[in-house]
Amino acid sequence: MIYGCLIKAVILILSGLLVKNNPYLIAGYNSLSNEEKEQINTDKLTQMTRNYLVSIGVGILIIGVSFYAFNVSEKIQLYLVCGSIICGITLLIIQSFKLNLIKS
């Protein structure tokens, strides 16, 4: 299970670092028209997405290593890791709707 947590954490951290310079990696950004893309503040959007993905990745890494050290059952580890990923991504989506991304 520790390897699964490490892989998930690395994928989340790398995708968070990549999304800062490549906003087209964000779901739905490519489907926008050019006029809509110009209206969105991509700096805010990519910065927020990067921060959330990196923090979720670091959290998964800490959870995985600490549960492995304390010999927590793999079933509980799986539930908590998946639950924290789902909660983190849900918070990212909610925060992106609340954030005023339209350029002034």
N, C-alpha and C. Protein backbone atom coordinates (compact mmCIF):
# COMPACT_ATOMS: atom_id res chain seq x y z
N MET A 1 0.82 -1.19 0.00
CA MET A 1 0.00 0.00 0.00
C MET A 1 0.86 1.26 0.00
N ILE A 2 2.03 1.17 0.58
CA ILE A 2 2.90 2.35 0.64
C ILE A 2 3.31 2.79 -0.76
N TYR A 3 3.51 1.82 -1.65
CA TYR A 3 3.90 2.18 -3.01
C TYR A 3 2.75 2.86 -3.76
N GLY A 4 1.54 2.41 -3.50
CA GLY A 4 0.38 3.05 -4.11
C GLY A 4 0.24 4.49 -3.67
N CYS A 5 0.45 4.74 -2.36
CA CYS A 5 0.38 6.12 -1.86
C CYS A 5 1.49 6.97 -2.45
N LEU A 6 2.67 6.40 -2.57
CA LEU A 6 3.78 7.15 -3.15
C LEU A 6 3.50 7.51 -4.62
N ILE A 7 2.96 6.58 -5.36
CA ILE A 7 2.65 6.83 -6.77
C ILE A 7 1.57 7.90 -6.90
N LYS A 8 0.52 7.79 -6.08
CA LYS A 8 -0.55 8.79 -6.12
C LYS A 8 -0.02 10.17 -5.76
N ALA A 9 0.81 10.23 -4.73
CA ALA A 9 1.35 11.51 -4.29
C ALA A 9 2.23 12.14 -5.37
N VAL A 10 3.07 11.33 -5.99
CA VAL A 10 3.96 11.85 -7.04
C VAL A 10 3.15 12.34 -8.24
N ILE A 11 2.12 11.59 -8.62
CA ILE A 11 1.28 12.02 -9.74
C ILE A 11 0.59 13.33 -9.44
N LEU A 12 0.03 13.46 -8.23
CA LEU A 12 -0.65 14.71 -7.87
C LEU A 12 0.31 15.89 -7.81
N ILE A 13 1.47 15.68 -7.23
CA ILE A 13 2.43 16.78 -7.11
C ILE A 13 2.95 17.18 -8.49
N LEU A 14 3.28 16.22 -9.32
CA LEU A 14 3.77 16.55 -10.67
C LEU A 14 2.70 17.23 -11.51
N SER A 15 1.47 16.74 -11.43
CA SER A 15 0.41 17.40 -12.20
C SER A 15 0.14 18.80 -11.67
N GLY A 16 0.28 19.00 -10.38
CA GLY A 16 0.14 20.34 -9.82
C GLY A 16 1.22 21.28 -10.30
N LEU A 17 2.43 20.78 -10.40
CA LEU A 17 3.54 21.62 -10.87
C LEU A 17 3.43 21.89 -12.38
N LEU A 18 2.93 20.92 -13.11
CA LEU A 18 2.79 21.10 -14.56
C LEU A 18 1.65 22.03 -14.94
N VAL A 19 0.60 22.05 -14.15
CA VAL A 19 -0.58 22.83 -14.51
C VAL A 19 -0.31 24.33 -14.42
N LYS A 20 0.68 24.74 -13.66
CA LYS A 20 0.97 26.17 -13.54
C LYS A 20 1.38 26.77 -14.88
N ASN A 21 2.19 26.07 -15.64
CA ASN A 21 2.64 26.59 -16.94
C ASN A 21 1.81 26.09 -18.11
N ASN A 22 0.93 25.12 -17.87
CA ASN A 22 0.12 24.53 -18.94
C ASN A 22 -1.35 24.51 -18.52
N PRO A 23 -2.07 25.61 -18.66
CA PRO A 23 -3.46 25.64 -18.20
C PRO A 23 -4.38 24.71 -18.99
N TYR A 24 -3.95 24.26 -20.17
CA TYR A 24 -4.78 23.36 -20.95
C TYR A 24 -4.91 21.99 -20.30
N LEU A 25 -4.14 21.71 -19.26
CA LEU A 25 -4.28 20.45 -18.53
C LEU A 25 -5.49 20.45 -17.60
N ILE A 26 -6.06 21.63 -17.37
CA ILE A 26 -7.24 21.73 -16.52
C ILE A 26 -8.46 21.30 -17.33
N ALA A 27 -9.26 20.44 -16.74
CA ALA A 27 -10.43 19.89 -17.44
C ALA A 27 -11.39 21.01 -17.83
N GLY A 28 -11.79 21.02 -19.08
CA GLY A 28 -12.76 21.99 -19.57
C GLY A 28 -12.14 23.25 -20.14
N TYR A 29 -10.87 23.49 -19.90
CA TYR A 29 -10.25 24.71 -20.39
C TYR A 29 -10.12 24.69 -21.91
N ASN A 30 -9.83 23.53 -22.47
CA ASN A 30 -9.68 23.43 -23.92
C ASN A 30 -11.00 23.62 -24.66
N SER A 31 -12.10 23.29 -23.99
CA SER A 31 -13.39 23.39 -24.67
C SER A 31 -13.92 24.83 -24.71
N LEU A 32 -13.26 25.74 -24.03
CA LEU A 32 -13.68 27.14 -24.06
C LEU A 32 -13.28 27.79 -25.38
N SER A 33 -14.08 28.76 -25.79
CA SER A 33 -13.71 29.51 -26.99
C SER A 33 -12.58 30.47 -26.65
N ASN A 34 -11.96 31.03 -27.67
CA ASN A 34 -10.85 31.95 -27.43
C ASN A 34 -11.30 33.19 -26.65
N GLU A 35 -12.51 33.66 -26.91
CA GLU A 35 -13.02 34.82 -26.20
C GLU A 35 -13.20 34.51 -24.71
N GLU A 36 -13.71 33.31 -24.41
CA GLU A 36 -13.89 32.91 -23.02
C GLU A 36 -12.54 32.71 -22.33
N LYS A 37 -11.57 32.17 -23.04
CA LYS A 37 -10.24 31.98 -22.46
C LYS A 37 -9.60 33.32 -22.13
N GLU A 38 -9.84 34.34 -22.95
CA GLU A 38 -9.27 35.65 -22.69
C GLU A 38 -9.92 36.32 -21.48
N GLN A 39 -11.16 35.97 -21.17
CA GLN A 39 -11.86 36.57 -20.04
C GLN A 39 -11.44 35.97 -18.70
N ILE A 40 -10.94 34.74 -18.73
CA ILE A 40 -10.58 34.05 -17.48
C ILE A 40 -9.18 34.47 -17.04
N ASN A 41 -9.04 34.70 -15.75
CA ASN A 41 -7.73 35.01 -15.19
C ASN A 41 -7.00 33.67 -14.97
N THR A 42 -6.22 33.29 -15.97
CA THR A 42 -5.56 31.99 -15.91
C THR A 42 -4.49 31.93 -14.83
N ASP A 43 -3.92 33.07 -14.47
CA ASP A 43 -2.92 33.06 -13.40
C ASP A 43 -3.53 32.61 -12.08
N LYS A 44 -4.69 33.17 -11.75
CA LYS A 44 -5.38 32.77 -10.52
C LYS A 44 -5.79 31.30 -10.57
N LEU A 45 -6.36 30.91 -11.69
CA LEU A 45 -6.85 29.55 -11.83
C LEU A 45 -5.73 28.52 -11.73
N THR A 46 -4.65 28.74 -12.43
CA THR A 46 -3.55 27.78 -12.40
C THR A 46 -2.84 27.78 -11.05
N GLN A 47 -2.72 28.95 -10.42
CA GLN A 47 -2.08 29.01 -9.12
C GLN A 47 -2.90 28.27 -8.07
N MET A 48 -4.22 28.47 -8.09
CA MET A 48 -5.08 27.78 -7.14
C MET A 48 -5.06 26.27 -7.39
N THR A 49 -5.13 25.86 -8.65
CA THR A 49 -5.10 24.43 -8.97
C THR A 49 -3.78 23.81 -8.56
N ARG A 50 -2.69 24.51 -8.82
CA ARG A 50 -1.37 24.00 -8.41
C ARG A 50 -1.30 23.84 -6.90
N ASN A 51 -1.74 24.85 -6.16
CA ASN A 51 -1.67 24.78 -4.70
C ASN A 51 -2.49 23.61 -4.15
N TYR A 52 -3.69 23.44 -4.68
CA TYR A 52 -4.53 22.34 -4.20
C TYR A 52 -3.92 20.98 -4.55
N LEU A 53 -3.48 20.79 -5.76
CA LEU A 53 -2.96 19.48 -6.15
C LEU A 53 -1.68 19.12 -5.40
N VAL A 54 -0.81 20.09 -5.22
CA VAL A 54 0.43 19.82 -4.48
C VAL A 54 0.12 19.54 -3.02
N SER A 55 -0.79 20.29 -2.42
CA SER A 55 -1.11 20.05 -1.01
C SER A 55 -1.83 18.71 -0.82
N ILE A 56 -2.68 18.32 -1.75
CA ILE A 56 -3.31 17.00 -1.67
C ILE A 56 -2.25 15.91 -1.80
N GLY A 57 -1.30 16.09 -2.71
CA GLY A 57 -0.23 15.11 -2.90
C GLY A 57 0.64 14.97 -1.66
N VAL A 58 1.00 16.07 -1.05
CA VAL A 58 1.81 16.03 0.17
C VAL A 58 1.01 15.38 1.30
N GLY A 59 -0.28 15.71 1.38
CA GLY A 59 -1.12 15.09 2.40
C GLY A 59 -1.22 13.59 2.24
N ILE A 60 -1.38 13.14 1.00
CA ILE A 60 -1.44 11.70 0.73
C ILE A 60 -0.11 11.04 1.10
N LEU A 61 0.98 11.69 0.81
CA LEU A 61 2.30 11.16 1.17
C LEU A 61 2.44 11.03 2.68
N ILE A 62 2.03 12.04 3.42
CA ILE A 62 2.11 12.00 4.89
C ILE A 62 1.19 10.93 5.45
N ILE A 63 -0.03 10.86 4.94
CA ILE A 63 -0.98 9.85 5.42
C ILE A 63 -0.45 8.45 5.14
N GLY A 64 0.03 8.21 3.93
CA GLY A 64 0.51 6.88 3.58
C GLY A 64 1.69 6.43 4.41
N VAL A 65 2.66 7.32 4.59
CA VAL A 65 3.86 6.95 5.35
C VAL A 65 3.53 6.76 6.83
N SER A 66 2.70 7.64 7.39
CA SER A 66 2.38 7.51 8.81
C SER A 66 1.52 6.27 9.08
N PHE A 67 0.58 5.97 8.21
CA PHE A 67 -0.22 4.76 8.41
C PHE A 67 0.62 3.50 8.23
N TYR A 68 1.57 3.55 7.32
CA TYR A 68 2.46 2.41 7.13
C TYR A 68 3.32 2.21 8.37
N ALA A 69 3.77 3.31 8.97
CA ALA A 69 4.61 3.22 10.17
C ALA A 69 3.84 2.68 11.36
N PHE A 70 2.55 3.01 11.44
CA PHE A 70 1.74 2.55 12.57
C PHE A 70 0.98 1.25 12.28
N ASN A 71 1.27 0.61 11.17
CA ASN A 71 0.67 -0.68 10.79
C ASN A 71 -0.86 -0.64 10.77
N VAL A 72 -1.41 0.40 10.22
CA VAL A 72 -2.86 0.50 10.05
C VAL A 72 -3.24 -0.43 8.90
N SER A 73 -4.41 -1.05 9.01
CA SER A 73 -4.81 -2.02 7.98
C SER A 73 -4.93 -1.34 6.62
N GLU A 74 -4.68 -2.11 5.59
CA GLU A 74 -4.68 -1.56 4.23
C GLU A 74 -6.06 -1.09 3.80
N LYS A 75 -7.09 -1.72 4.31
CA LYS A 75 -8.45 -1.33 3.97
C LYS A 75 -8.74 0.08 4.49
N ILE A 76 -8.36 0.36 5.71
CA ILE A 76 -8.57 1.69 6.28
C ILE A 76 -7.70 2.71 5.55
N GLN A 77 -6.47 2.35 5.23
CA GLN A 77 -5.60 3.24 4.47
C GLN A 77 -6.23 3.61 3.14
N LEU A 78 -6.75 2.63 2.44
CA LEU A 78 -7.36 2.85 1.14
C LEU A 78 -8.55 3.80 1.25
N TYR A 79 -9.41 3.56 2.23
CA TYR A 79 -10.58 4.42 2.41
C TYR A 79 -10.18 5.86 2.72
N LEU A 80 -9.21 6.03 3.60
CA LEU A 80 -8.83 7.39 3.99
C LEU A 80 -8.08 8.11 2.87
N VAL A 81 -7.24 7.42 2.15
CA VAL A 81 -6.51 8.05 1.05
C VAL A 81 -7.48 8.46 -0.06
N CYS A 82 -8.35 7.54 -0.44
CA CYS A 82 -9.33 7.87 -1.49
C CYS A 82 -10.29 8.96 -1.03
N GLY A 83 -10.71 8.90 0.22
CA GLY A 83 -11.60 9.93 0.75
C GLY A 83 -10.95 11.30 0.78
N SER A 84 -9.67 11.35 1.14
CA SER A 84 -9.00 12.65 1.18
C SER A 84 -8.77 13.20 -0.23
N ILE A 85 -8.52 12.33 -1.21
CA ILE A 85 -8.39 12.80 -2.58
C ILE A 85 -9.72 13.35 -3.08
N ILE A 86 -10.80 12.62 -2.83
CA ILE A 86 -12.12 13.07 -3.27
C ILE A 86 -12.51 14.37 -2.59
N CYS A 87 -12.26 14.49 -1.29
CA CYS A 87 -12.58 15.73 -0.58
C CYS A 87 -11.74 16.89 -1.09
N GLY A 88 -10.47 16.66 -1.33
CA GLY A 88 -9.59 17.72 -1.83
C GLY A 88 -10.00 18.22 -3.21
N ILE A 89 -10.32 17.31 -4.11
CA ILE A 89 -10.74 17.71 -5.45
C ILE A 89 -12.09 18.41 -5.40
N THR A 90 -12.99 17.94 -4.51
CA THR A 90 -14.29 18.60 -4.36
C THR A 90 -14.11 20.02 -3.85
N LEU A 91 -13.23 20.21 -2.89
CA LEU A 91 -12.94 21.57 -2.40
C LEU A 91 -12.33 22.45 -3.49
N LEU A 92 -11.49 21.87 -4.33
CA LEU A 92 -10.92 22.61 -5.45
C LEU A 92 -12.00 23.08 -6.41
N ILE A 93 -12.93 22.21 -6.72
CA ILE A 93 -14.02 22.59 -7.62
C ILE A 93 -14.89 23.67 -7.01
N ILE A 94 -15.24 23.52 -5.73
CA ILE A 94 -16.07 24.52 -5.06
C ILE A 94 -15.35 25.85 -4.99
N GLN A 95 -14.06 25.83 -4.65
CA GLN A 95 -13.29 27.06 -4.56
C GLN A 95 -13.14 27.74 -5.92
N SER A 96 -13.02 26.96 -6.97
CA SER A 96 -12.88 27.56 -8.30
C SER A 96 -14.17 28.23 -8.73
N PHE A 97 -15.33 27.72 -8.29
CA PHE A 97 -16.59 28.39 -8.59
C PHE A 97 -16.74 29.67 -7.79
N LYS A 98 -16.25 29.66 -6.55
CA LYS A 98 -16.36 30.85 -5.70
C LYS A 98 -15.39 31.95 -6.12
N LEU A 99 -14.25 31.57 -6.64
CA LEU A 99 -13.21 32.52 -7.01
C LEU A 99 -13.64 33.31 -8.22
N ASN A 100 -13.46 34.59 -8.18
CA ASN A 100 -13.81 35.44 -9.32
C ASN A 100 -12.69 35.34 -10.31
N LEU A 101 -12.89 34.55 -11.36
CA LEU A 101 -11.84 34.30 -12.34
C LEU A 101 -11.96 35.22 -13.54
N ILE A 102 -12.99 36.02 -13.61
CA ILE A 102 -13.17 36.93 -14.74
C ILE A 102 -12.24 38.11 -14.56
N LYS A 103 -11.48 38.41 -15.59
CA LYS A 103 -10.55 39.55 -15.55
C LYS A 103 -11.34 40.84 -15.46
N SER A 104 -10.83 41.75 -14.66
CA SER A 104 -11.51 43.03 -14.51
C SER A 104 -10.98 44.04 -15.49
